[in-house]
Amino acid sequence: MANKIVKYTLEADGTIPTWIDDGGYHGVKNSNASPQDYTMIGVTVDGSSETGLGELTSKAAIKTYLDTYTSEWKMKDPDDITALVDFDQDANAVLLWAKKTS
């Protein structure tokens, strides 16, 4: 069995879809009404056929997607938590892709 890395929104009642095992990553505002007003990245439950708002089928696809909206994001510097550094799309794509099982 395998899981998928997908884009998704919350359900209309504000709950996480039952087919998401691990999610809420790198949300981006969309045009939907709350509580579906953020598109997030998540990992489906093992064996799910769901693809949500689109499957991200490789580390490169995750990075390309992140590149579309995170270019101005900052994050805490892991070596100095008082400083900010540019969001690392590649490193975050690697972390998300590592959640994929074959």
Protein backbone atom coordinates (compact mmCIF):
# COMPACT_ATOMS: atom_id res chain seq x y z
CA MET A 1 0.00 0.00 0.00
CA ALA A 2 1.06 3.61 -0.35
CA ASN A 3 0.06 7.08 0.65
CA LYS A 4 0.06 10.27 -1.41
CA ILE A 5 1.21 13.84 -0.93
CA VAL A 6 -1.74 16.06 -1.86
CA LYS A 7 -3.14 19.58 -1.71
CA TYR A 8 -6.41 19.86 0.24
CA THR A 9 -8.71 22.11 2.25
CA LEU A 10 -10.63 21.47 5.43
CA GLU A 11 -14.13 20.03 5.19
CA ALA A 12 -17.08 22.47 5.20
CA ASP A 13 -17.51 21.86 8.95
CA GLY A 14 -13.85 22.76 9.62
CA THR A 15 -12.60 19.22 10.20
CA ILE A 16 -9.62 17.58 8.55
CA PRO A 17 -10.67 15.17 5.78
CA THR A 18 -10.72 11.58 7.04
CA TRP A 19 -8.37 10.57 4.23
CA ILE A 20 -5.59 12.90 5.52
CA ASP A 21 -3.22 11.18 7.93
CA ASP A 22 -0.73 14.04 8.46
CA GLY A 23 -1.46 17.51 7.16
CA GLY A 24 -1.70 21.22 7.62
CA TYR A 25 1.61 21.99 5.96
CA HIS A 26 2.41 25.32 4.28
CA GLY A 27 -1.10 26.69 3.99
CA VAL A 28 -1.84 29.33 1.39
CA LYS A 29 -4.92 31.56 1.31
CA ASN A 30 -7.39 30.73 -1.45
CA SER A 31 -10.70 32.30 -2.54
CA ASN A 32 -12.97 29.91 -0.62
CA ALA A 33 -15.03 30.91 2.39
CA SER A 34 -13.85 29.93 5.87
CA PRO A 35 -13.12 27.27 7.04
CA GLN A 36 -11.99 26.15 3.56
CA ASP A 37 -10.02 29.34 2.89
CA TYR A 38 -6.55 27.78 3.02
CA THR A 39 -5.07 25.16 0.71
CA MET A 40 -2.65 22.93 2.61
CA ILE A 41 -0.32 20.06 1.86
CA GLY A 42 -0.92 16.73 3.54
CA VAL A 43 -0.26 13.02 3.46
CA THR A 44 -3.15 10.67 2.78
CA VAL A 45 -3.85 7.59 4.83
CA ASP A 46 -2.13 4.50 3.53
CA GLY A 47 -3.91 3.08 0.50
CA SER A 48 -6.25 6.04 -0.05
CA SER A 49 -7.37 6.73 -3.60
CA GLU A 50 -8.05 10.42 -2.77
CA THR A 51 -6.00 13.07 -4.54
CA GLY A 52 -7.65 16.11 -2.96
CA LEU A 53 -7.01 19.27 -4.98
CA GLY A 54 -4.11 17.59 -6.74
CA GLU A 55 -1.42 15.06 -6.01
CA LEU A 56 2.21 16.17 -5.73
CA THR A 57 3.95 13.18 -7.28
CA SER A 58 7.61 13.97 -6.62
CA LYS A 59 9.93 16.06 -4.46
CA ALA A 60 10.41 18.32 -7.48
CA ALA A 61 6.64 18.80 -7.81
CA ILE A 62 6.40 19.79 -4.14
CA LYS A 63 9.24 22.30 -4.54
CA THR A 64 7.71 23.74 -7.71
CA TYR A 65 4.39 24.17 -5.91
CA LEU A 66 6.05 25.79 -2.88
CA ASP A 67 7.95 28.12 -5.21
CA THR A 68 4.63 29.55 -6.42
CA TYR A 69 3.75 31.18 -3.09
CA THR A 70 6.54 31.02 -0.50
CA SER A 71 9.24 33.20 -2.11
CA GLU A 72 8.80 35.94 0.49
CA TRP A 73 8.34 33.65 3.51
CA LYS A 74 10.80 33.77 6.40
CA MET A 75 11.48 31.22 9.11
CA LYS A 76 13.51 31.09 12.30
CA ASP A 77 17.17 30.40 11.76
CA PRO A 78 17.84 26.97 13.31
CA ASP A 79 21.28 28.20 14.41
CA ASP A 80 19.98 31.47 15.94
CA ILE A 81 16.29 31.48 16.88
CA THR A 82 16.37 35.27 17.24
CA ALA A 83 17.13 35.64 13.53
CA LEU A 84 15.04 35.02 10.42
CA VAL A 85 16.20 33.37 7.24
CA ASP A 86 14.55 32.76 3.88
CA PHE A 87 12.13 29.83 3.74
CA ASP A 88 13.96 26.87 2.21
CA GLN A 89 11.60 25.38 -0.38
CA ASP A 90 13.98 22.56 -1.26
CA ALA A 91 14.52 21.46 2.34
CA ASN A 92 10.79 21.56 3.02
CA ALA A 93 10.08 19.57 -0.15
CA VAL A 94 12.55 16.94 1.05
CA LEU A 95 10.85 16.76 4.46
CA LEU A 96 7.40 16.39 2.92
CA TRP A 97 8.51 13.84 0.33
CA ALA A 98 10.07 11.77 3.13
CA LYS A 99 6.53 11.23 4.47
CA LYS A 100 5.67 9.33 1.27
CA THR A 101 5.61 5.55 1.45
CA SER A 102 5.84 3.37 -1.62
